[in-house]
Protein backbone atom coordinates (compact mmCIF):
# COMPACT_ATOMS: atom_id res chain seq x y z
CA MET A 1 -67.88 -174.20 82.96
CA ASN A 2 -66.99 -170.93 81.05
CA ILE A 3 -70.04 -170.21 78.74
CA VAL A 4 -70.82 -167.13 76.47
CA GLN A 5 -74.65 -166.62 75.60
CA ILE A 6 -75.11 -164.33 72.58
CA THR A 7 -78.47 -162.60 72.51
CA PRO A 8 -80.07 -160.07 70.40
CA GLY A 9 -81.30 -157.01 72.00
CA ALA A 10 -84.84 -155.76 71.06
CA GLY A 11 -84.34 -151.97 72.34
CA GLY A 12 -87.25 -150.44 74.00
CA MET A 13 -89.51 -153.51 73.30
CA TYR A 14 -90.15 -156.33 75.63
CA CYS A 15 -88.91 -159.73 74.37
CA GLY A 16 -89.57 -163.07 75.84
CA ASN A 17 -85.90 -164.45 74.56
CA CYS A 18 -84.07 -161.73 76.22
CA PHE A 19 -85.88 -162.20 79.56
CA ARG A 20 -85.20 -166.20 79.19
CA ASP A 21 -81.53 -165.70 78.47
CA ASN A 22 -80.84 -163.10 81.14
CA ALA A 23 -82.69 -165.24 83.75
CA LEU A 24 -80.35 -168.38 82.53
CA VAL A 25 -76.94 -166.32 82.75
CA ALA A 26 -77.85 -165.00 86.09
CA GLU A 27 -78.79 -168.56 87.49
CA LEU A 28 -75.67 -170.24 85.69
CA ARG A 29 -73.69 -167.64 87.60
CA ARG A 30 -75.56 -168.40 90.81
CA GLN A 31 -74.74 -172.23 90.31
CA GLY A 32 -70.84 -171.21 90.09
CA HIS A 33 -70.40 -171.11 86.27
CA THR A 34 -68.91 -168.42 84.45
CA ALA A 35 -71.31 -167.18 82.15
CA LEU A 36 -71.25 -163.98 79.77
CA LEU A 37 -74.11 -162.40 77.91
CA LEU A 38 -73.19 -160.56 74.80
CA PRO A 39 -76.15 -158.31 73.43
CA LEU A 40 -76.63 -157.81 69.57
CA TYR A 41 -77.96 -154.92 67.86
CA LEU A 42 -79.58 -152.94 70.38
CA PRO A 43 -79.64 -152.66 74.26
CA MET A 44 -82.01 -155.34 75.80
CA THR A 45 -85.06 -153.81 77.76
CA LEU A 46 -85.28 -156.30 80.99
CA GLU A 47 -87.52 -156.73 84.05
CA GLU A 48 -84.45 -157.99 86.08
CA ASP A 49 -80.93 -156.77 86.72
CA ASP A 50 -79.00 -156.54 83.29
CA ALA A 51 -76.57 -159.44 83.13
CA SER A 52 -75.04 -158.01 80.02
CA ALA A 53 -73.92 -155.00 81.88
CA GLY A 54 -70.29 -154.08 81.08
CA THR A 55 -70.10 -155.84 78.09
CA PRO A 56 -70.19 -154.17 74.50
CA ILE A 57 -73.05 -154.27 72.13
CA PHE A 58 -71.92 -156.15 68.63
CA TYR A 59 -73.63 -155.91 65.48
CA GLY A 60 -74.54 -152.47 66.36
CA GLY A 61 -78.16 -151.84 64.64
CA ILE A 62 -77.10 -148.80 62.87
CA ASN A 63 -74.20 -150.30 61.45
CA VAL A 64 -76.02 -153.41 60.30
CA TYR A 65 -78.60 -151.29 58.77
CA LEU A 66 -76.00 -148.92 57.13
CA GLU A 67 -73.72 -151.71 55.82
CA GLN A 68 -76.74 -153.51 54.10
CA LYS A 69 -77.72 -150.34 52.64
CA SER A 70 -74.35 -148.96 51.31
CA ALA A 71 -71.47 -150.65 49.88
CA LEU A 72 -69.39 -147.55 50.82
CA PHE A 73 -70.31 -147.93 54.42
CA ARG A 74 -68.91 -151.22 54.31
CA LYS A 75 -65.39 -149.65 53.92
CA SER A 76 -65.88 -147.00 56.49
CA PRO A 77 -63.30 -146.17 59.07
CA ARG A 78 -63.35 -147.97 62.61
CA TRP A 79 -63.98 -144.60 64.39
CA LEU A 80 -67.01 -143.85 62.33
CA ARG A 81 -68.69 -147.29 63.17
CA SER A 82 -67.82 -146.96 66.75
CA LEU A 83 -69.56 -143.59 66.68
CA MET A 84 -72.58 -145.23 65.26
CA ASN A 85 -72.31 -147.73 68.34
CA ALA A 86 -72.82 -145.04 70.87
CA PRO A 87 -75.35 -145.59 73.57
CA GLY A 88 -77.44 -142.55 72.80
CA LEU A 89 -77.75 -143.32 69.05
CA LEU A 90 -78.67 -147.02 69.75
CA GLN A 91 -81.33 -145.89 71.95
CA TRP A 92 -82.87 -143.63 69.24
CA ALA A 93 -82.51 -146.49 66.83
CA SER A 94 -84.55 -148.86 69.01
CA GLY A 95 -87.63 -146.60 68.74
CA ARG A 96 -87.61 -147.08 65.04
CA ALA A 97 -86.64 -150.71 65.55
CA ALA A 98 -89.96 -151.12 67.32
CA LYS A 99 -91.76 -150.35 64.01
CA THR A 100 -89.96 -152.79 61.96
CA ARG A 101 -91.87 -155.56 60.41
CA PRO A 102 -90.73 -158.82 58.95
CA GLU A 103 -91.75 -158.06 55.82
CA ASP A 104 -89.60 -155.13 55.65
CA VAL A 105 -86.12 -156.79 56.48
CA GLY A 106 -86.02 -159.84 54.24
CA GLU A 107 -82.91 -158.92 52.38
CA LEU A 108 -81.04 -157.68 55.71
CA THR A 109 -82.06 -161.19 57.18
CA VAL A 110 -80.71 -163.26 54.32
CA SER A 111 -77.66 -161.20 54.57
CA MET A 112 -77.09 -161.68 58.15
CA LEU A 113 -77.77 -165.53 57.86
CA ARG A 114 -75.19 -165.72 55.35
CA GLY A 115 -72.44 -164.93 57.94
CA GLU A 116 -68.99 -164.22 56.58
CA GLU A 117 -70.46 -164.00 53.32
CA GLY A 118 -73.11 -161.37 53.96
CA ASN A 119 -72.71 -157.37 53.99
CA GLN A 120 -72.17 -157.49 57.63
CA ALA A 121 -68.95 -159.60 57.57
CA ARG A 122 -66.95 -156.85 59.33
CA GLU A 123 -69.26 -157.20 62.39
CA LEU A 124 -68.61 -160.73 62.61
CA GLU A 125 -65.02 -160.29 62.30
CA GLU A 126 -64.83 -157.99 65.43
CA LEU A 127 -67.37 -160.45 67.52
CA VAL A 128 -64.68 -163.34 66.88
CA THR A 129 -61.69 -161.07 67.43
CA TRP A 130 -63.31 -159.88 70.85
CA LEU A 131 -63.80 -163.48 71.88
CA GLN A 132 -60.29 -164.63 70.81
CA GLU A 133 -58.87 -161.83 73.19
CA HIS A 134 -60.52 -162.81 76.10
CA ASP A 135 -61.12 -166.12 78.15
CA LYS A 136 -61.79 -168.87 75.86
CA PRO A 137 -65.08 -170.38 76.72
CA ASP A 138 -66.20 -173.90 76.75
CA VAL A 139 -69.13 -173.40 74.82
CA ILE A 140 -71.07 -170.76 72.99
CA SER A 141 -74.74 -170.62 72.86
CA LEU A 142 -76.94 -168.55 70.18
CA SER A 143 -80.21 -167.40 71.41
CA ASN A 144 -82.29 -168.29 68.24
CA ALA A 145 -81.44 -169.66 64.90
CA MET A 146 -81.55 -166.12 63.02
CA LEU A 147 -77.97 -165.94 64.42
CA ALA A 148 -76.86 -169.07 62.47
CA GLY A 149 -74.69 -167.18 60.34
CA LEU A 150 -72.37 -166.84 63.24
CA ILE A 151 -71.92 -170.45 63.79
CA ARG A 152 -69.27 -171.48 61.09
CA ARG A 153 -66.77 -168.79 62.10
CA LEU A 154 -67.36 -169.13 65.93
CA ARG A 155 -66.54 -173.08 65.63
CA LYS A 156 -63.64 -172.38 63.36
CA ASP A 157 -61.84 -169.58 64.81
CA VAL A 158 -62.93 -169.42 68.52
CA GLY A 159 -62.52 -173.33 68.30
CA VAL A 160 -65.46 -174.24 70.65
CA PRO A 161 -68.72 -175.89 70.31
CA VAL A 162 -71.63 -174.04 69.53
CA VAL A 163 -75.22 -174.73 70.65
CA CYS A 164 -77.96 -172.99 68.98
CA GLN A 165 -81.59 -172.64 70.39
CA LEU A 166 -85.02 -172.64 68.43
CA GLN A 167 -87.23 -169.89 69.42
CA GLY A 168 -90.13 -168.79 67.15
CA GLU A 169 -88.01 -168.25 63.96
CA ASP A 170 -91.00 -169.63 61.81
CA TYR A 171 -93.31 -166.88 62.33
CA PHE A 172 -90.66 -164.01 61.28
CA ILE A 173 -89.55 -165.76 58.26
CA ASP A 174 -92.87 -166.69 57.06
CA ALA A 175 -93.91 -163.24 57.20
CA MET A 176 -91.24 -161.82 54.81
CA PRO A 177 -92.24 -161.39 51.09
CA THR A 178 -91.86 -164.72 49.02
CA GLU A 179 -88.58 -163.56 47.33
CA TRP A 180 -86.87 -163.52 50.63
CA ARG A 181 -88.68 -166.15 52.55
CA ASP A 182 -87.76 -169.12 50.28
CA VAL A 183 -84.07 -168.05 50.41
CA ALA A 184 -84.19 -167.37 54.02
CA TRP A 185 -85.31 -170.91 54.81
CA ARG A 186 -82.67 -172.41 52.72
CA THR A 187 -79.96 -170.43 53.95
CA LEU A 188 -80.95 -171.05 57.51
CA ALA A 189 -81.21 -174.70 56.81
CA GLU A 190 -77.81 -174.86 55.55
CA ARG A 191 -76.05 -172.65 58.50
CA VAL A 192 -78.07 -174.19 61.26
CA ALA A 193 -76.82 -177.61 60.33
CA GLU A 194 -73.27 -176.54 61.11
CA ALA A 195 -74.23 -176.15 65.02
CA ASP A 196 -72.99 -178.91 67.46
CA LEU A 197 -76.36 -179.32 68.88
CA LEU A 198 -79.71 -177.61 68.78
CA MET A 199 -82.08 -176.66 71.52
CA ALA A 200 -86.06 -176.40 71.33
CA PRO A 201 -88.34 -175.54 74.11
CA SER A 202 -90.87 -177.66 73.34
CA ARG A 203 -91.89 -181.11 71.48
CA TYR A 204 -94.14 -179.25 68.94
CA PHE A 205 -91.34 -176.87 68.22
CA ALA A 206 -88.79 -179.47 67.79
CA ASP A 207 -90.89 -181.53 65.40
CA GLU A 208 -91.77 -178.51 63.48
CA MET A 209 -88.26 -177.15 62.83
CA SER A 210 -86.88 -180.33 62.15
CA ARG A 211 -89.72 -180.84 59.35
CA ARG A 212 -88.81 -177.29 57.73
CA LEU A 213 -85.12 -177.33 58.28
CA LYS A 214 -84.51 -181.19 57.59
CA LEU A 215 -82.58 -181.63 60.96
CA PRO A 216 -81.00 -184.71 62.02
CA SER A 217 -82.81 -186.07 65.16
CA ASP A 218 -79.25 -186.77 66.87
CA LYS A 219 -78.51 -182.99 67.20
CA LEU A 220 -81.83 -181.86 68.36
CA ARG A 221 -82.63 -181.66 72.29
CA ILE A 222 -85.80 -180.52 73.88
CA VAL A 223 -85.11 -178.15 77.00
CA PRO A 224 -88.27 -176.14 78.39
CA ASN A 225 -87.90 -172.83 79.30
CA GLY A 226 -88.12 -171.77 82.75
CA ILE A 227 -88.82 -168.56 84.90
CA ARG A 228 -87.38 -167.06 88.06
CA LEU A 229 -90.04 -167.75 90.67
CA ASP A 230 -89.32 -165.02 93.29
CA GLY A 231 -92.31 -162.74 93.72
CA TYR A 232 -94.85 -165.06 92.03
CA SER A 233 -97.59 -165.96 94.47
CA PRO A 234 -101.29 -166.84 94.37
CA ALA A 235 -103.60 -164.16 95.64
CA PRO A 236 -105.22 -165.01 98.93
CA ALA A 237 -109.00 -166.85 98.98
CA PRO A 238 -111.48 -165.89 98.45
CA PRO A 239 -111.29 -165.26 94.56
CA ALA A 240 -111.40 -161.73 93.01
CA ASN A 241 -114.65 -160.00 93.15
CA PRO A 242 -115.36 -158.81 90.46
CA PRO A 243 -113.72 -161.64 88.37
CA VAL A 244 -110.94 -160.42 86.14
CA LEU A 245 -110.07 -161.95 82.78
CA GLY A 246 -106.27 -161.43 81.99
CA TYR A 247 -103.96 -161.26 79.00
CA PHE A 248 -100.34 -160.55 79.21
CA ALA A 249 -98.19 -160.63 76.08
CA ARG A 250 -97.09 -158.14 73.38
CA MET A 251 -100.41 -156.14 72.31
CA CYS A 252 -100.72 -157.27 68.75
CA PRO A 253 -102.75 -159.30 66.59
CA GLU A 254 -100.32 -162.28 66.47
CA LYS A 255 -101.07 -163.07 70.13
CA GLY A 256 -104.76 -163.16 69.46
CA LEU A 257 -105.66 -159.85 71.62
CA ASP A 258 -108.33 -159.31 69.16
CA THR A 259 -109.90 -162.39 69.57
CA LEU A 260 -109.95 -162.25 73.22
CA VAL A 261 -111.54 -158.89 73.09
CA GLU A 262 -114.21 -160.32 70.91
CA ALA A 263 -114.93 -163.25 73.09
CA TYR A 264 -115.15 -160.90 76.11
CA LEU A 265 -117.77 -158.85 74.36
CA MET A 266 -119.63 -161.99 73.64
CA VAL A 267 -119.53 -162.80 77.56
CA LYS A 268 -120.55 -159.07 78.40
CA SER A 269 -123.41 -159.02 75.85
CA ARG A 270 -125.13 -162.24 77.22
CA ASN A 271 -124.97 -160.85 80.67
CA GLN A 272 -124.27 -164.36 82.09
CA VAL A 273 -121.09 -162.54 83.96
CA PRO A 274 -122.05 -159.05 84.16
CA ASN A 275 -119.41 -157.75 86.52
CA LEU A 276 -116.54 -159.49 84.56
CA LYS A 277 -113.28 -157.25 83.95
CA LEU A 278 -110.70 -157.38 81.18
CA HIS A 279 -107.12 -156.54 82.22
CA ILE A 280 -104.72 -156.36 79.29
CA GLY A 281 -100.93 -155.94 79.98
CA GLY A 282 -97.66 -156.58 78.20
CA GLY A 283 -95.45 -155.12 75.75
CA CYS A 284 -96.56 -152.17 73.75
CA GLY A 285 -94.49 -150.58 71.25
CA PRO A 286 -94.90 -147.60 68.67
CA GLY A 287 -95.92 -150.15 66.21
CA ASP A 288 -98.83 -151.63 68.32
CA GLU A 289 -100.23 -148.48 69.51
CA PRO A 290 -102.89 -148.28 66.36
CA PHE A 291 -103.94 -151.64 67.13
CA VAL A 292 -104.77 -150.81 70.76
CA ALA A 293 -106.30 -147.67 69.71
CA GLN A 294 -108.62 -149.71 67.17
CA LEU A 295 -109.34 -152.14 70.22
CA THR A 296 -110.06 -149.31 72.47
CA ASP A 297 -112.49 -147.71 69.97
CA ARG A 298 -114.36 -150.76 69.62
CA LEU A 299 -114.85 -151.47 73.49
CA GLN A 300 -115.96 -147.58 73.70
CA LYS A 301 -118.60 -148.23 70.89
CA ARG A 302 -119.85 -151.22 72.91
CA GLY A 303 -119.95 -149.35 76.07
CA TRP A 304 -117.69 -151.63 78.01
CA ALA A 305 -114.62 -149.42 77.84
CA GLN A 306 -115.00 -148.77 81.66
CA ASP A 307 -114.64 -152.37 82.55
CA VAL A 308 -111.06 -152.91 80.67
CA LYS A 309 -107.77 -151.60 81.65
CA PHE A 310 -104.62 -151.80 79.91
CA PHE A 311 -101.15 -151.97 81.46
CA PRO A 312 -98.30 -151.57 78.95
CA ASN A 313 -94.76 -152.31 79.58
CA VAL A 314 -94.90 -152.74 83.32
CA THR A 315 -91.81 -153.56 85.68
CA ARG A 316 -91.56 -157.09 87.00
CA GLU A 317 -93.24 -156.33 90.47
CA GLU A 318 -96.19 -154.68 88.58
CA LYS A 319 -96.63 -157.79 86.62
CA GLN A 320 -96.64 -160.11 89.65
CA GLU A 321 -99.25 -157.93 91.19
CA PHE A 322 -101.17 -157.80 87.81
CA MET A 323 -101.09 -161.90 87.77
CA ARG A 324 -102.25 -161.99 91.29
CA GLY A 325 -105.32 -160.04 90.62
CA LEU A 326 -106.59 -162.25 88.00
CA THR A 327 -109.12 -164.84 87.80
CA LEU A 328 -108.45 -166.35 84.42
CA PHE A 329 -105.69 -165.98 81.91
CA SER A 330 -105.89 -166.45 78.18
CA VAL A 331 -103.51 -165.44 75.23
CA PRO A 332 -105.23 -166.76 72.36
CA ALA A 333 -102.48 -166.79 69.78
CA GLY A 334 -103.51 -168.66 66.59
CA TYR A 335 -100.05 -169.00 65.21
CA GLY A 336 -97.42 -171.53 65.95
CA GLU A 337 -96.10 -170.27 69.36
CA ALA A 338 -92.83 -172.38 70.34
CA PHE A 339 -93.59 -172.10 74.14
CA GLY A 340 -95.26 -169.13 75.90
CA LEU A 341 -93.41 -167.83 79.09
CA TYR A 342 -96.81 -166.02 80.02
CA LEU A 343 -98.26 -169.14 80.77
CA LEU A 344 -95.63 -170.10 83.29
CA GLU A 345 -96.18 -166.58 85.07
CA ALA A 346 -99.68 -167.28 85.36
CA TRP A 347 -99.59 -170.75 86.74
CA ALA A 348 -96.97 -169.44 89.38
CA SER A 349 -99.55 -166.92 90.40
CA GLY A 350 -102.03 -169.82 90.86
CA VAL A 351 -104.32 -168.45 87.94
CA PRO A 352 -105.71 -171.16 85.34
CA VAL A 353 -105.60 -170.73 81.69
CA VAL A 354 -107.73 -171.13 78.51
CA GLN A 355 -105.84 -171.56 75.33
CA PRO A 356 -106.09 -172.67 71.84
CA ARG A 357 -105.32 -176.35 71.04
CA VAL A 358 -102.37 -175.34 68.89
CA ALA A 359 -98.74 -175.40 68.69
CA ALA A 360 -96.96 -175.79 72.28
CA PHE A 361 -100.17 -174.58 74.27
CA THR A 362 -101.27 -178.30 74.09
CA GLU A 363 -98.46 -180.08 75.65
CA LEU A 364 -97.83 -177.45 78.27
CA VAL A 365 -101.68 -177.28 79.34
CA GLU A 366 -101.75 -181.12 79.28
CA ARG A 367 -98.58 -181.48 81.09
CA THR A 368 -99.87 -179.06 83.91
CA GLY A 369 -103.44 -179.60 84.01
CA GLY A 370 -103.42 -175.83 84.67
CA GLY A 371 -106.64 -175.05 82.10
CA VAL A 372 -108.48 -175.94 79.40
CA LEU A 373 -107.95 -176.05 75.63
CA TYR A 374 -110.22 -175.10 72.64
CA GLU A 375 -110.07 -175.34 69.08
CA PRO A 376 -108.10 -172.21 67.72
CA ASN A 377 -109.46 -168.96 66.01
CA ASP A 378 -112.82 -169.85 67.87
CA ALA A 379 -114.06 -166.80 69.91
CA ALA A 380 -117.33 -167.95 70.52
CA THR A 381 -116.14 -171.17 72.31
CA LEU A 382 -113.59 -169.22 74.14
CA ALA A 383 -116.42 -167.11 75.43
CA GLN A 384 -118.17 -170.08 76.48
CA LEU A 385 -115.21 -171.45 78.54
CA ILE A 386 -114.59 -168.06 80.11
CA GLU A 387 -118.19 -168.08 81.59
CA GLN A 388 -117.97 -171.89 82.92
CA LEU A 389 -114.80 -170.96 84.58
CA VAL A 390 -115.65 -167.55 86.12
CA VAL A 391 -119.07 -168.99 87.66
CA ASP A 392 -117.31 -172.22 88.98
CA PRO A 393 -114.75 -170.46 91.28
CA LYS A 394 -113.92 -174.00 92.89
CA ARG A 395 -112.73 -175.75 89.81
CA CYS A 396 -110.94 -172.20 88.63
CA ARG A 397 -109.02 -172.48 91.84
CA ALA A 398 -108.31 -176.28 91.54
CA LEU A 399 -106.79 -175.92 87.81
CA GLY A 400 -104.63 -172.78 89.05
CA GLU A 401 -103.38 -174.68 91.92
CA GLU A 402 -102.39 -177.77 89.80
CA GLY A 403 -100.81 -175.58 87.07
CA ARG A 404 -98.55 -173.82 89.80
CA LYS A 405 -97.64 -177.28 91.39
CA VAL A 406 -96.11 -178.45 88.22
CA THR A 407 -94.55 -175.14 87.14
CA LEU A 408 -92.84 -174.94 90.55
CA GLU A 409 -91.51 -178.57 89.99
CA GLU A 410 -90.44 -178.45 86.17
CA PHE A 411 -90.60 -174.92 84.90
CA THR A 412 -88.07 -172.97 87.05
CA VAL A 413 -85.04 -171.11 85.88
CA ALA A 414 -82.89 -173.66 88.10
CA ARG A 415 -84.31 -176.69 86.28
CA MET A 416 -83.96 -175.00 82.66
CA ALA A 417 -80.11 -174.28 83.56
CA GLU A 418 -79.51 -177.89 84.62
CA ASN A 419 -81.11 -179.16 81.58
CA VAL A 420 -79.27 -176.60 79.60
CA LEU A 421 -76.01 -177.72 81.15
CA ARG A 422 -76.61 -181.11 80.10
CA VAL A 423 -76.68 -179.99 76.49
CA TYR A 424 -73.31 -177.86 76.76
CA GLN A 425 -71.63 -180.89 78.46
CA GLU A 426 -72.92 -183.23 75.55
CA ALA A 427 -71.65 -180.41 72.92
CA MET A 428 -68.18 -180.36 74.52
CA ALA A 429 -67.98 -184.32 74.67
CA ARG A 430 -69.11 -184.57 71.10
CA ARG A 431 -66.55 -181.92 69.81
CA GLY A 432 -63.86 -183.42 72.17
């Protein structure tokens, strides 16, 4: 099968969707398919070999921004727009993009969702033309529904089915000002309905987006995410001493890092596990640094900063080593997480999790048996569960082993690729 995967690059930021799509394309190639990864906006920052190497970046971030702000730039010559796509300039722009917030880009988001009717219509024309000039794919896959503005032209002018993934769009749109949020939801519902099929990574998110976008059930499929397992392994027994509580996700309030720090301080103050350490890893961009500085200051004032270590923007190998050194793992995100690849990474390392009973966490923890759940936004209960598990290493290890067993069976990148291919084949059959 000949597949084109279109994925937004996040510049200097670590992006779970980028990791997922890059691993998926590599696995599809390994299974003998022709798969092309086309990045949009900015270069990708990845922890594995870049599957998009050698392909151009479409919808260059600088051009997209200037086309939104200037009617004159929309008529600029091709040479000038090519200059704006120079790798050095896009790398510079990626630093600024790391500080961008949803509330600042509502108008731009709506314009992108309008596709050929938006201010970035020339970018869409270039993408369509490039695809027409190369080998015709069997199917085109969009990384998330924020790219739904591409669907109409891709189906019509490239002439192939388009499958659109759903991957956490609700949080981004809900954070916009009301004037743009409502328009964005209406436009997204209109455009995403034009896809041949849709994929969601969890039952929770499939139900959530079906409700919000009024999606027909016959067009929506559930395809859980998966990870490449190479390099993930449990730490040898006995368990870590001193015990280590871990967090690995973007270092931001949305992922609940402040809640975890609050729970950790409760554990330390009760002195039931006096030697407990806290290791915090994951993406940390310029926009996250003030928040991390506030947490560090709070830990210092309480006198436990020496027991906490930060591991920002690490490599894949460093992340695997980080995971092996943990006793327990928690990312207490209180919002509607569509999946949570970091849970698979913890389980692949034999580490149990403590997660809020919300969004996709519930079905993942219940499916794997790899941890315990608590009611969201309850730091006191989280602290109690951390204490109970850390002082019971036998139970802790059993939960971690069960989570690893199910992850190795059901949440690998190979299994994800097989499931994705079935959806692509179905989309082709419906189109045919």
